[in-house]
Amino acid sequence: MHSPRRPAILAALLVVGGACGSPSPAPPGDPSTSPPTVVTPDAADQLPAMVIRTDTDDGVRWWVTSPGAPLVRRPLAVPAGDVQLGPAGVDGSILLTLGATAAVARLSGDELAPVRVVDLGAGGLGASIPGCISEAGTIAVADADTLGISVLPPEGGAVPIEVPLSLGECAWLENGSLVLSAEGDRLFAWDAGTGTELPLAATGRHPSSGGGLLSVVDRSGPRPVVVVRATNAVREEPDPLGAERFRILTGPNELIANAQLSPDGGWLALTLDAGPEGTTSRRMRFYRVTVAGPEATGEIQLGEREQVTLLPAGTGMP
């Protein structure tokens, strides 16, 4: 049965503007407009472009930035304030969800405008959270209750992925494989051609992909470490992943909460929480990914309810 709210939700995602879509100006002195930046100043390309979702007691605010340092945020209009922010694709499109509706949106000036809206209820799905988006525009979402992943091909329908104890996280690889994470830091690869899931030798969670790379947070050792691997250009059995490119181990009082590659693979961002003896606040540290390895460029402070999506080169605030 379709929810009576679904037509309204679909309409909200199809129309940008009005009271819920207008960017709300930040009050004077609001720290979210210019968070403390940056450990390495005086460079025009120290930070990537990004979209930021800030959940406050007064509502949800959205921002868009352009590459550079210091970081400058500009208010961003979205279809509805409680839209959930997902990852970006290589073309700059961004995956969003709102209840049992998913949307692919693109930046247009200071608006995030939907270009494709999917009624998840029509595919037998309920309320969902964003999963991941492929280069071809195929999206995957996670059930808000069970965290089970379903793939939504452009031609319609929903394909549930049978991975036990899914964490609701995924990343599309260039070779067409979908990497999913599960409890116990297990990783699986799902092949769209055969519709089968294969366990991977690599372990970790928070998979993120871009530019022929896959990053995960590996917690199998004494401290979490970010491991970045190459991906095979062609789907190969039994593993679509290639050799390890590099790994990042942070300080003893820094806990890696998440890691995210930009869609083009040019940047890696780590979300860090303070360790048991740490005094610093939650923050995001940025690395430029080069042939020689990662190069730390700077960091910004993050609010406890702040979400960031990295954008590919050539997108962001005009």
C-alpha atoms as a PDB file:
ATOM      1  CA  MET A   1       0.000   0.000   0.000  1.00  0.00           C
ATOM      2  CA  HIS A   2       1.310   3.396  -0.912  1.00  0.00           C
ATOM      3  CA  SER A   3       1.806   5.898   1.851  1.00  0.00           C
ATOM      4  CA  PRO A   4      -0.527   8.936   1.635  1.00  0.00           C
ATOM      5  CA  ARG A   5       2.562  11.117   2.086  1.00  0.00           C
ATOM      6  CA  ARG A   6       4.306   9.727  -0.970  1.00  0.00           C
ATOM      7  CA  PRO A   7       2.732  12.056  -3.588  1.00  0.00           C
ATOM      8  CA  ALA A   8       3.687  15.039  -1.447  1.00  0.00           C
ATOM      9  CA  ILE A   9       7.214  13.723  -0.996  1.00  0.00           C
ATOM     10  CA  LEU A  10       7.584  13.139  -4.721  1.00  0.00           C
ATOM     11  CA  ALA A  11       6.313  16.633  -5.421  1.00  0.00           C
ATOM     12  CA  ALA A  12       8.770  18.082  -2.924  1.00  0.00           C
ATOM     13  CA  LEU A  13      11.653  16.335  -4.619  1.00  0.00           C
ATOM     14  CA  LEU A  14      10.530  17.402  -8.071  1.00  0.00           C
ATOM     15  CA  VAL A  15      10.129  21.096  -7.255  1.00  0.00           C
ATOM     16  CA  VAL A  16      12.967  23.158  -5.843  1.00  0.00           C
ATOM     17  CA  GLY A  17      12.106  26.452  -4.220  1.00  0.00           C
ATOM     18  CA  GLY A  18       9.472  27.810  -1.877  1.00  0.00           C
ATOM     19  CA  ALA A  19       9.704  27.769   1.878  1.00  0.00           C
ATOM     20  CA  CYS A  20      11.414  24.381   2.218  1.00  0.00           C
ATOM     21  CA  GLY A  21      13.780  24.871  -0.694  1.00  0.00           C
ATOM     22  CA  SER A  22      15.088  28.355  -0.030  1.00  0.00           C
ATOM     23  CA  PRO A  23      18.528  28.640   1.542  1.00  0.00           C
ATOM     24  CA  SER A  24      18.137  30.060   5.025  1.00  0.00           C
ATOM     25  CA  PRO A  25      20.663  32.742   5.835  1.00  0.00           C
ATOM     26  CA  ALA A  26      22.928  31.973   8.744  1.00  0.00           C
ATOM     27  CA  PRO A  27      22.652  34.324  11.707  1.00  0.00           C
ATOM     28  CA  PRO A  28      25.610  36.610  12.413  1.00  0.00           C
ATOM     29  CA  GLY A  29      28.393  34.793  14.175  1.00  0.00           C
ATOM     30  CA  ASP A  30      27.105  31.322  13.243  1.00  0.00           C
ATOM     31  CA  PRO A  31      30.261  29.148  13.392  1.00  0.00           C
ATOM     32  CA  SER A  32      28.929  26.803  10.722  1.00  0.00           C
ATOM     33  CA  THR A  33      29.470  29.450   8.058  1.00  0.00           C
ATOM     34  CA  SER A  34      33.233  29.452   8.466  1.00  0.00           C
ATOM     35  CA  PRO A  35      34.596  26.559  10.525  1.00  0.00           C
ATOM     36  CA  PRO A  36      38.215  26.755  11.639  1.00  0.00           C
ATOM     37  CA  THR A  37      40.525  25.947   8.760  1.00  0.00           C
ATOM     38  CA  VAL A  38      43.282  24.805   7.996  1.00  0.00           C
ATOM     39  CA  VAL A  39      46.600  23.238   8.956  1.00  0.00           C
ATOM     40  CA  THR A  40      48.342  24.186   5.719  1.00  0.00           C
ATOM     41  CA  PRO A  41      47.177  27.613   4.452  1.00  0.00           C
ATOM     42  CA  ASP A  42      48.231  29.794   1.539  1.00  0.00           C
ATOM     43  CA  ALA A  43      47.247  27.415  -1.239  1.00  0.00           C
ATOM     44  CA  ALA A  44      44.300  27.543  -3.615  1.00  0.00           C
ATOM     45  CA  ASP A  45      43.703  23.799  -3.748  1.00  0.00           C
ATOM     46  CA  GLN A  46      44.084  22.613  -0.157  1.00  0.00           C
ATOM     47  CA  LEU A  47      40.467  21.426   0.182  1.00  0.00           C
ATOM     48  CA  PRO A  48      38.079  19.770  -2.298  1.00  0.00           C
ATOM     49  CA  ALA A  49      34.603  21.018  -3.149  1.00  0.00           C
ATOM     50  CA  MET A  50      31.890  19.531  -0.965  1.00  0.00           C
ATOM     51  CA  VAL A  51      28.237  19.592   0.060  1.00  0.00           C
ATOM     52  CA  ILE A  52      27.611  19.828   3.811  1.00  0.00           C
ATOM     53  CA  ARG A  53      24.394  18.969   5.683  1.00  0.00           C
ATOM     54  CA  THR A  54      24.142  20.522   9.157  1.00  0.00           C
ATOM     55  CA  ASP A  55      21.429  19.238  11.496  1.00  0.00           C
ATOM     56  CA  THR A  56      20.712  21.826  14.203  1.00  0.00           C
ATOM     57  CA  ASP A  57      18.069  22.245  16.894  1.00  0.00           C
ATOM     58  CA  ASP A  58      16.513  24.893  14.648  1.00  0.00           C
ATOM     59  CA  GLY A  59      16.347  22.664  11.581  1.00  0.00           C
ATOM     60  CA  VAL A  60      18.590  21.366   8.824  1.00  0.00           C
ATOM     61  CA  ARG A  61      20.882  23.659   6.858  1.00  0.00           C
ATOM     62  CA  TRP A  62      22.729  22.822   3.655  1.00  0.00           C
ATOM     63  CA  TRP A  63      25.921  24.337   2.282  1.00  0.00           C
ATOM     64  CA  VAL A  64      28.095  24.070  -0.806  1.00  0.00           C
ATOM     65  CA  THR A  65      31.759  25.000  -1.063  1.00  0.00           C
ATOM     66  CA  SER A  66      34.343  25.496  -3.782  1.00  0.00           C
ATOM     67  CA  PRO A  67      37.883  24.084  -3.743  1.00  0.00           C
ATOM     68  CA  GLY A  68      40.380  26.095  -1.739  1.00  0.00           C
ATOM     69  CA  ALA A  69      41.440  27.294   1.658  1.00  0.00           C
ATOM     70  CA  PRO A  70      40.160  28.869   3.769  1.00  0.00           C
ATOM     71  CA  LEU A  71      36.851  27.077   3.349  1.00  0.00           C
ATOM     72  CA  VAL A  72      33.885  29.269   2.412  1.00  0.00           C
ATOM     73  CA  ARG A  73      30.354  27.889   2.691  1.00  0.00           C
ATOM     74  CA  ARG A  74      27.360  29.213   0.785  1.00  0.00           C
ATOM     75  CA  PRO A  75      23.759  28.273   1.670  1.00  0.00           C
ATOM     76  CA  LEU A  76      22.304  25.632  -0.638  1.00  0.00           C
ATOM     77  CA  ALA A  77      18.619  25.186  -1.462  1.00  0.00           C
ATOM     78  CA  VAL A  78      17.278  21.631  -1.269  1.00  0.00           C
ATOM     79  CA  PRO A  79      13.782  20.250  -1.983  1.00  0.00           C
ATOM     80  CA  ALA A  80      13.025  19.521   1.694  1.00  0.00           C
ATOM     81  CA  GLY A  81      14.964  20.056   4.882  1.00  0.00           C
ATOM     82  CA  ASP A  82      14.925  16.444   6.108  1.00  0.00           C
ATOM     83  CA  VAL A  83      16.320  14.983   2.879  1.00  0.00           C
ATOM     84  CA  GLN A  84      19.170  12.564   3.644  1.00  0.00           C
ATOM     85  CA  LEU A  85      22.520  13.258   1.976  1.00  0.00           C
ATOM     86  CA  GLY A  86      24.325  10.472   0.117  1.00  0.00           C
ATOM     87  CA  PRO A  87      27.506  10.232  -1.950  1.00  0.00           C
ATOM     88  CA  ALA A  88      28.224  11.960  -5.253  1.00  0.00           C
ATOM     89  CA  GLY A  89      28.861  10.359  -8.631  1.00  0.00           C
ATOM     90  CA  VAL A  90      31.735  11.075 -10.963  1.00  0.00           C
ATOM     91  CA  ASP A  91      29.559  13.534 -12.927  1.00  0.00           C
ATOM     92  CA  GLY A  92      28.721  15.500  -9.772  1.00  0.00           C
ATOM     93  CA  SER A  93      25.229  14.032  -9.304  1.00  0.00           C
ATOM     94  CA  ILE A  94      24.294  13.407  -5.662  1.00  0.00           C
ATOM     95  CA  LEU A  95      22.143  10.634  -4.216  1.00  0.00           C
ATOM     96  CA  LEU A  96      19.384  11.739  -1.809  1.00  0.00           C
ATOM     97  CA  THR A  97      16.567   9.964   0.011  1.00  0.00           C
ATOM     98  CA  LEU A  98      13.415  11.151   1.743  1.00  0.00           C
ATOM     99  CA  GLY A  99      11.341   8.387   3.286  1.00  0.00           C
ATOM    100  CA  ALA A 100      10.456   5.867   0.580  1.00  0.00           C
ATOM    101  CA  THR A 101      11.701   8.166  -2.191  1.00  0.00           C
ATOM    102  CA  ALA A 102      15.164   8.386  -3.713  1.00  0.00           C
ATOM    103  CA  ALA A 103      16.474  11.101  -5.994  1.00  0.00           C
ATOM    104  CA  VAL A 104      19.544  11.902  -8.043  1.00  0.00           C
ATOM    105  CA  ALA A 105      20.212  15.656  -7.923  1.00  0.00           C
ATOM    106  CA  ARG A 106      22.718  18.050  -9.433  1.00  0.00           C
ATOM    107  CA  LEU A 107      24.003  21.428  -8.404  1.00  0.00           C
ATOM    108  CA  SER A 108      22.454  24.299 -10.299  1.00  0.00           C
ATOM    109  CA  GLY A 109      23.735  27.611  -8.960  1.00  0.00           C
ATOM    110  CA  ASP A 110      22.767  27.660  -5.291  1.00  0.00           C
ATOM    111  CA  GLU A 111      20.179  24.881  -5.671  1.00  0.00           C
ATOM    112  CA  LEU A 112      20.380  21.090  -5.517  1.00  0.00           C
ATOM    113  CA  ALA A 113      17.905  20.160  -8.246  1.00  0.00           C
ATOM    114  CA  PRO A 114      16.584  16.582  -8.702  1.00  0.00           C
ATOM    115  CA  VAL A 115      17.015  15.152 -12.196  1.00  0.00           C
ATOM    116  CA  ARG A 116      15.653  11.681 -11.400  1.00  0.00           C
ATOM    117  CA  VAL A 117      13.149  10.661  -8.722  1.00  0.00           C
ATOM    118  CA  VAL A 118      12.427   7.037  -7.793  1.00  0.00           C
ATOM    119  CA  ASP A 119       9.334   5.899  -5.878  1.00  0.00           C
ATOM    120  CA  LEU A 120      10.855   3.121  -3.765  1.00  0.00           C
ATOM    121  CA  GLY A 121       7.418   1.891  -2.737  1.00  0.00           C
ATOM    122  CA  ALA A 122       6.736   0.914  -6.341  1.00  0.00           C
ATOM    123  CA  GLY A 123       9.641  -1.535  -6.058  1.00  0.00           C
ATOM    124  CA  GLY A 124       8.396  -2.954  -2.773  1.00  0.00           C
ATOM    125  CA  LEU A 125      10.800  -0.929  -0.617  1.00  0.00           C
ATOM    126  CA  GLY A 126      10.074   1.232   2.394  1.00  0.00           C
ATOM    127  CA  ALA A 127      11.865   4.138   4.032  1.00  0.00           C
ATOM    128  CA  SER A 128      15.509   4.049   2.986  1.00  0.00           C
ATOM    129  CA  ILE A 129      18.824   5.794   3.444  1.00  0.00           C
ATOM    130  CA  PRO A 130      21.303   6.601   0.646  1.00  0.00           C
ATOM    131  CA  GLY A 131      23.720   3.871  -0.368  1.00  0.00           C
ATOM    132  CA  CYS A 132      25.865   4.612  -3.425  1.00  0.00           C
ATOM    133  CA  ILE A 133      25.708   5.688  -7.078  1.00  0.00           C
ATOM    134  CA  SER A 134      27.669   4.218 -10.001  1.00  0.00           C
ATOM    135  CA  GLU A 135      29.320   5.935 -12.969  1.00  0.00           C
ATOM    136  CA  ALA A 136      26.394   4.728 -15.106  1.00  0.00           C
ATOM    137  CA  GLY A 137      23.876   6.275 -12.710  1.00  0.00           C
ATOM    138  CA  THR A 138      22.712   3.038 -11.084  1.00  0.00           C
ATOM    139  CA  ILE A 139      21.833   3.712  -7.458  1.00  0.00           C
ATOM    140  CA  ALA A 140      21.645   1.537  -4.368  1.00  0.00           C
ATOM    141  CA  VAL A 141      19.786   2.323  -1.165  1.00  0.00           C
ATOM    142  CA  ALA A 142      19.644   0.715   2.293  1.00  0.00           C
ATOM    143  CA  ASP A 143      16.476  -0.120   4.172  1.00  0.00           C
ATOM    144  CA  ALA A 144      16.211   2.294   7.104  1.00  0.00           C
ATOM    145  CA  ASP A 145      15.333  -0.545   9.513  1.00  0.00           C
ATOM    146  CA  THR A 146      17.188  -3.663   8.325  1.00  0.00           C
ATOM    147  CA  LEU A 147      20.073  -1.905   6.489  1.00  0.00           C
ATOM    148  CA  GLY A 148      19.658  -4.379   3.645  1.00  0.00           C
ATOM    149  CA  ILE A 149      20.941  -3.030   0.303  1.00  0.00           C
ATOM    150  CA  SER A 150      18.800  -2.916  -2.847  1.00  0.00           C
ATOM    151  CA  VAL A 151      19.979  -1.895  -6.317  1.00  0.00           C
ATOM    152  CA  LEU A 152      17.704   0.315  -8.430  1.00  0.00           C
ATOM    153  CA  PRO A 153      18.605  -0.051 -12.132  1.00  0.00           C
ATOM    154  CA  PRO A 154      17.773   2.900 -14.424  1.00  0.00           C
ATOM    155  CA  GLU A 155      15.151   0.789 -16.223  1.00  0.00           C
ATOM    156  CA  GLY A 156      13.174   0.403 -12.981  1.00  0.00           C
ATOM    157  CA  GLY A 157      12.532  -2.180 -10.308  1.00  0.00           C
ATOM    158  CA  ALA A 158      14.550  -3.102  -7.238  1.00  0.00           C
ATOM    159  CA  VAL A 159      17.078  -5.916  -6.793  1.00  0.00           C
ATOM    160  CA  PRO A 160      17.703  -6.862  -3.143  1.00  0.00           C
ATOM    161  CA  ILE A 161      21.251  -8.014  -2.324  1.00  0.00           C
ATOM    162  CA  GLU A 162      21.358 -11.032  -0.012  1.00  0.00           C
ATOM    163  CA  VAL A 163      24.193 -10.123   2.353  1.00  0.00           C
ATOM    164  CA  PRO A 164      23.610 -11.244   5.960  1.00  0.00           C
ATOM    165  CA  LEU A 165      23.947  -8.610   8.695  1.00  0.00           C
ATOM    166  CA  SER A 166      24.452  -5.782   6.201  1.00  0.00           C
ATOM    167  CA  LEU A 167      25.658  -2.441   7.566  1.00  0.00           C
ATOM    168  CA  GLY A 168      23.842  -0.493   4.855  1.00  0.00           C
ATOM    169  CA  GLU A 169      27.096   0.664   3.216  1.00  0.00           C
ATOM    170  CA  CYS A 170      28.216   0.166  -0.373  1.00  0.00           C
ATOM    171  CA  ALA A 171      30.504   1.434  -3.127  1.00  0.00           C
ATOM    172  CA  TRP A 172      30.370   0.850  -6.880  1.00  0.00           C
ATOM    173  CA  LEU A 173      33.619  -0.076  -8.582  1.00  0.00           C
ATOM    174  CA  GLU A 174      34.564   0.911 -12.122  1.00  0.00           C
ATOM    175  CA  ASN A 175      34.436  -2.760 -13.139  1.00  0.00           C
ATOM    176  CA  GLY A 176      30.708  -2.921 -12.322  1.00  0.00           C
ATOM    177  CA  SER A 177      31.040  -4.747  -9.008  1.00  0.00           C
ATOM    178  CA  LEU A 178      29.240  -3.487  -5.923  1.00  0.00           C
ATOM    179  CA  VAL A 179      31.192  -3.746  -2.650  1.00  0.00           C
ATOM    180  CA  LEU A 180      29.087  -4.073   0.514  1.00  0.00           C
ATOM    181  CA  SER A 181      30.021  -4.214   4.190  1.00  0.00           C
ATOM    182  CA  ALA A 182      28.561  -6.466   6.886  1.00  0.00           C
ATOM    183  CA  GLU A 183      28.918  -7.070  10.615  1.00  0.00           C
ATOM    184  CA  GLY A 184      32.288  -8.445  11.610  1.00  0.00           C
ATOM    185  CA  ASP A 185      33.995  -6.095   9.122  1.00  0.00           C
ATOM    186  CA  ARG A 186      33.255  -8.527   6.307  1.00  0.00           C
ATOM    187  CA  LEU A 187      33.227  -7.270   2.722  1.00  0.00           C
ATOM    188  CA  PHE A 188      31.263  -8.744  -0.169  1.00  0.00           C
ATOM    189  CA  ALA A 189      31.249  -8.089  -3.914  1.00  0.00           C
ATOM    190  CA  TRP A 190      28.009  -8.313  -5.867  1.00  0.00           C
ATOM    191  CA  ASP A 191      28.194  -8.812  -9.616  1.00  0.00           C
ATOM    192  CA  ALA A 192      25.376  -7.242 -11.625  1.00  0.00           C
ATOM    193  CA  GLY A 193      25.899  -9.662 -14.505  1.00  0.00           C
ATOM    194  CA  THR A 194      25.461 -12.842 -12.484  1.00  0.00           C
ATOM    195  CA  GLY A 195      23.474 -11.465  -9.554  1.00  0.00           C
ATOM    196  CA  THR A 196      25.728 -13.282  -7.084  1.00  0.00           C
ATOM    197  CA  GLU A 197      27.576 -12.170  -3.959  1.00  0.00           C
ATOM    198  CA  LEU A 198      31.135 -13.235  -3.187  1.00  0.00           C
ATOM    199  CA  PRO A 199      32.982 -12.748   0.114  1.00  0.00           C
ATOM    200  CA  LEU A 200      36.228 -10.796  -0.275  1.00  0.00           C
ATOM    201  CA  ALA A 201      39.573 -11.516   1.351  1.00  0.00           C
ATOM    202  CA  ALA A 202      39.891  -7.851   2.381  1.00  0.00           C
ATOM    203  CA  THR A 203      38.173  -6.727   5.589  1.00  0.00           C
ATOM    204  CA  GLY A 204      36.799  -3.389   6.721  1.00  0.00           C
ATOM    205  CA  ARG A 205      33.771  -1.126   6.697  1.00  0.00           C
ATOM    206  CA  HIS A 206      32.719   2.251   5.271  1.00  0.00           C
ATOM    207  CA  PRO A 207      33.639   1.330   1.657  1.00  0.00           C
ATOM    208  CA  SER A 208      34.117   4.318  -0.660  1.00  0.00           C
ATOM    209  CA  SER A 209      35.276   4.369  -4.274  1.00  0.00           C
ATOM    210  CA  GLY A 210      36.549   6.771  -6.918  1.00  0.00           C
ATOM    211  CA  GLY A 211      39.147   6.966  -9.678  1.00  0.00           C
ATOM    212  CA  GLY A 212      39.806   3.228  -9.761  1.00  0.00           C
ATOM    213  CA  LEU A 213      40.362   3.067  -5.984  1.00  0.00           C
ATOM    214  CA  LEU A 214      38.470   1.629  -3.016  1.00  0.00           C
ATOM    215  CA  SER A 215      38.985   2.785   0.571  1.00  0.00           C
ATOM    216  CA  VAL A 216      37.834   0.984   3.730  1.00  0.00           C
ATOM    217  CA  VAL A 217      38.389   1.447   7.445  1.00  0.00           C
ATOM    218  CA  ASP A 218      40.105  -1.736   8.667  1.00  0.00           C
ATOM    219  CA  ARG A 219      39.687  -2.410  12.395  1.00  0.00           C
ATOM    220  CA  SER A 220      41.377  -5.819  12.515  1.00  0.00           C
ATOM    221  CA  GLY A 221      44.514  -4.433  14.198  1.00  0.00           C
ATOM    222  CA  PRO A 222      45.115  -2.624  17.498  1.00  0.00           C
ATOM    223  CA  ARG A 223      43.938   0.676  15.961  1.00  0.00           C
ATOM    224  CA  PRO A 224      41.747   1.442  12.966  1.00  0.00           C
ATOM    225  CA  VAL A 225      43.603   2.109   9.735  1.00  0.00           C
ATOM    226  CA  VAL A 226      42.385   3.363   6.359  1.00  0.00           C
ATOM    227  CA  VAL A 227      43.388   1.005   3.557  1.00  0.00           C
ATOM    228  CA  VAL A 228      43.182   2.133  -0.080  1.00  0.00           C
ATOM    229  CA  ARG A 229      43.315  -0.500  -2.828  1.00  0.00           C
ATOM    230  CA  ALA A 230      43.301  -0.363  -6.602  1.00  0.00           C
ATOM    231  CA  THR A 231      40.354  -2.001  -8.358  1.00  0.00           C
ATOM    232  CA  ASN A 232      40.655  -4.331 -11.305  1.00  0.00           C
ATOM    233  CA  ALA A 233      39.553  -2.650 -14.525  1.00  0.00           C
ATOM    234  CA  VAL A 234      37.750  -5.819 -15.614  1.00  0.00           C
ATOM    235  CA  ARG A 235      35.665  -8.019 -13.328  1.00  0.00           C
ATOM    236  CA  GLU A 236      37.899 -10.931 -12.329  1.00  0.00           C
ATOM    237  CA  GLU A 237      37.262 -14.007 -10.211  1.00  0.00           C
ATOM    238  CA  PRO A 238      37.399 -14.397  -7.347  1.00  0.00           C
ATOM    239  CA  ASP A 239      38.194 -10.830  -6.322  1.00  0.00           C
ATOM    240  CA  PRO A 240      37.480  -7.507  -8.068  1.00  0.00           C
ATOM    241  CA  LEU A 241      40.049  -5.722  -5.927  1.00  0.00           C
ATOM    242  CA  GLY A 242      43.655  -5.125  -6.896  1.00  0.00           C
ATOM    243  CA  ALA A 243      46.801  -4.464  -4.900  1.00  0.00           C
ATOM    244  CA  GLU A 244      46.957  -2.205  -1.866  1.00  0.00           C
ATOM    245  CA  ARG A 245      48.063   1.320  -2.812  1.00  0.00           C
ATOM    246  CA  PHE A 246      48.606   2.822   0.641  1.00  0.00           C
ATOM    247  CA  ARG A 247      47.268   2.957   4.196  1.00  0.00           C
ATOM    248  CA  ILE A 248      46.842   5.747   6.739  1.00  0.00           C
ATOM    249  CA  LEU A 249      47.261   5.289  10.478  1.00  0.00           C
ATOM    250  CA  THR A 250      46.341   8.292  12.610  1.00  0.00           C
ATOM    251  CA  GLY A 251      47.512   9.303  16.085  1.00  0.00           C
ATOM    252  CA  PRO A 252      46.756   7.236  19.210  1.00  0.00           C
ATOM    253  CA  ASN A 253      44.089   9.683  20.400  1.00  0.00           C
ATOM    254  CA  GLU A 254      42.363   9.949  17.037  1.00  0.00           C
ATOM    255  CA  LEU A 255      39.573   7.516  16.216  1.00  0.00           C
ATOM    256  CA  ILE A 256      38.753   7.075  12.520  1.00  0.00           C
ATOM    257  CA  ALA A 257      34.962   7.254  12.296  1.00  0.00           C
ATOM    258  CA  ASN A 258      34.758   7.209   8.493  1.00  0.00           C
ATOM    259  CA  ALA A 259      36.774   7.594   5.297  1.00  0.00           C
ATOM    260  CA  GLN A 260      35.571   8.911   1.949  1.00  0.00           C
ATOM    261  CA  LEU A 261      37.153   9.116  -1.497  1.00  0.00           C
ATOM    262  CA  SER A 262      36.071  11.848  -3.879  1.00  0.00           C
ATOM    263  CA  PRO A 263      34.284  10.417  -6.956  1.00  0.00           C
ATOM    264  CA  ASP A 264      37.319  11.119  -9.157  1.00  0.00           C
ATOM    265  CA  GLY A 265      39.718   9.575  -6.643  1.00  0.00           C
ATOM    266  CA  GLY A 266      41.717  12.785  -6.236  1.00  0.00           C
ATOM    267  CA  TRP A 267      40.923  13.294  -2.544  1.00  0.00           C
ATOM    268  CA  LEU A 268      40.536  11.185   0.585  1.00  0.00           C
ATOM    269  CA  ALA A 269      38.781  12.609   3.652  1.00  0.00           C
ATOM    270  CA  LEU A 270      38.918  11.064   7.129  1.00  0.00           C
ATOM    271  CA  THR A 271      36.303  11.846   9.761  1.00  0.00           C
ATOM    272  CA  LEU A 272      38.108  11.778  13.113  1.00  0.00           C
ATOM    273  CA  ASP A 273      36.739  11.616  16.635  1.00  0.00           C
ATOM    274  CA  ALA A 274      38.859  12.335  19.697  1.00  0.00           C
ATOM    275  CA  GLY A 275      40.247   9.277  21.480  1.00  0.00           C
ATOM    276  CA  PRO A 276      39.830   8.534  25.213  1.00  0.00           C
ATOM    277  CA  GLU A 277      42.499  11.072  26.143  1.00  0.00           C
ATOM    278  CA  GLY A 278      41.887  13.458  23.278  1.00  0.00           C
ATOM    279  CA  THR A 279      40.700  17.008  23.756  1.00  0.00           C
ATOM    280  CA  THR A 280      40.056  17.988  20.144  1.00  0.00           C
ATOM    281  CA  SER A 281      36.598  18.081  18.620  1.00  0.00           C
ATOM    282  CA  ARG A 282      35.221  16.048  15.731  1.00  0.00           C
ATOM    283  CA  ARG A 283      36.906  17.029  12.497  1.00  0.00           C
ATOM    284  CA  MET A 284      37.662  16.026   8.924  1.00  0.00           C
ATOM    285  CA  ARG A 285      41.210  15.666   7.613  1.00  0.00           C
ATOM    286  CA  PHE A 286      41.931  15.874   3.891  1.00  0.00           C
ATOM    287  CA  TYR A 287      44.553  14.096   1.814  1.00  0.00           C
ATOM    288  CA  ARG A 288      45.365  14.707  -1.807  1.00  0.00           C
ATOM    289  CA  VAL A 289      45.817  11.334  -3.507  1.00  0.00           C
ATOM    290  CA  THR A 290      48.905  11.289  -5.743  1.00  0.00           C
ATOM    291  CA  VAL A 291      50.896   8.613  -7.544  1.00  0.00           C
ATOM    292  CA  ALA A 292      53.446   8.817  -4.742  1.00  0.00           C
ATOM    293  CA  GLY A 293      50.777   8.337  -2.082  1.00  0.00           C
ATOM    294  CA  PRO A 294      48.570  10.517   0.157  1.00  0.00           C
ATOM    295  CA  GLU A 295      49.554  14.099   1.009  1.00  0.00           C
ATOM    296  CA  ALA A 296      47.808  15.687   4.005  1.00  0.00           C
ATOM    297  CA  THR A 297      46.603  19.183   3.125  1.00  0.00           C
ATOM    298  CA  GLY A 298      44.354  20.386   5.941  1.00  0.00           C
ATOM    299  CA  GLU A 299      41.370  19.796   8.172  1.00  0.00           C
ATOM    300  CA  ILE A 300      38.122  21.415   9.237  1.00  0.00           C
ATOM    301  CA  GLN A 301      36.045  21.090  12.376  1.00  0.00           C
ATOM    302  CA  LEU A 302      32.726  19.269  12.108  1.00  0.00           C
ATOM    303  CA  GLY A 303      29.613  19.516  14.231  1.00  0.00           C
ATOM    304  CA  GLU A 304      28.373  16.325  15.889  1.00  0.00           C
ATOM    305  CA  ARG A 305      25.420  16.223  13.470  1.00  0.00           C
ATOM    306  CA  GLU A 306      27.211  17.351  10.349  1.00  0.00           C
ATOM    307  CA  GLN A 307      27.542  15.282   7.177  1.00  0.00           C
ATOM    308  CA  VAL A 308      29.919  15.908   4.259  1.00  0.00           C
ATOM    309  CA  THR A 309      29.907  14.643   0.664  1.00  0.00           C
ATOM    310  CA  LEU A 310      33.012  15.234  -1.449  1.00  0.00           C
ATOM    311  CA  LEU A 311      32.445  16.450  -5.000  1.00  0.00           C
ATOM    312  CA  PRO A 312      34.523  15.665  -8.100  1.00  0.00           C
ATOM    313  CA  ALA A 313      36.865  18.234  -9.612  1.00  0.00           C
ATOM    314  CA  GLY A 314      35.100  20.933 -11.609  1.00  0.00           C
ATOM    315  CA  THR A 315      31.986  21.046  -9.402  1.00  0.00           C
ATOM    316  CA  GLY A 316      31.018  22.928  -6.274  1.00  0.00           C
ATOM    317  CA  MET A 317      30.211  26.549  -5.571  1.00  0.00           C
ATOM    318  CA  PRO A 318      30.408  28.663  -8.732  1.00  0.00           C
END
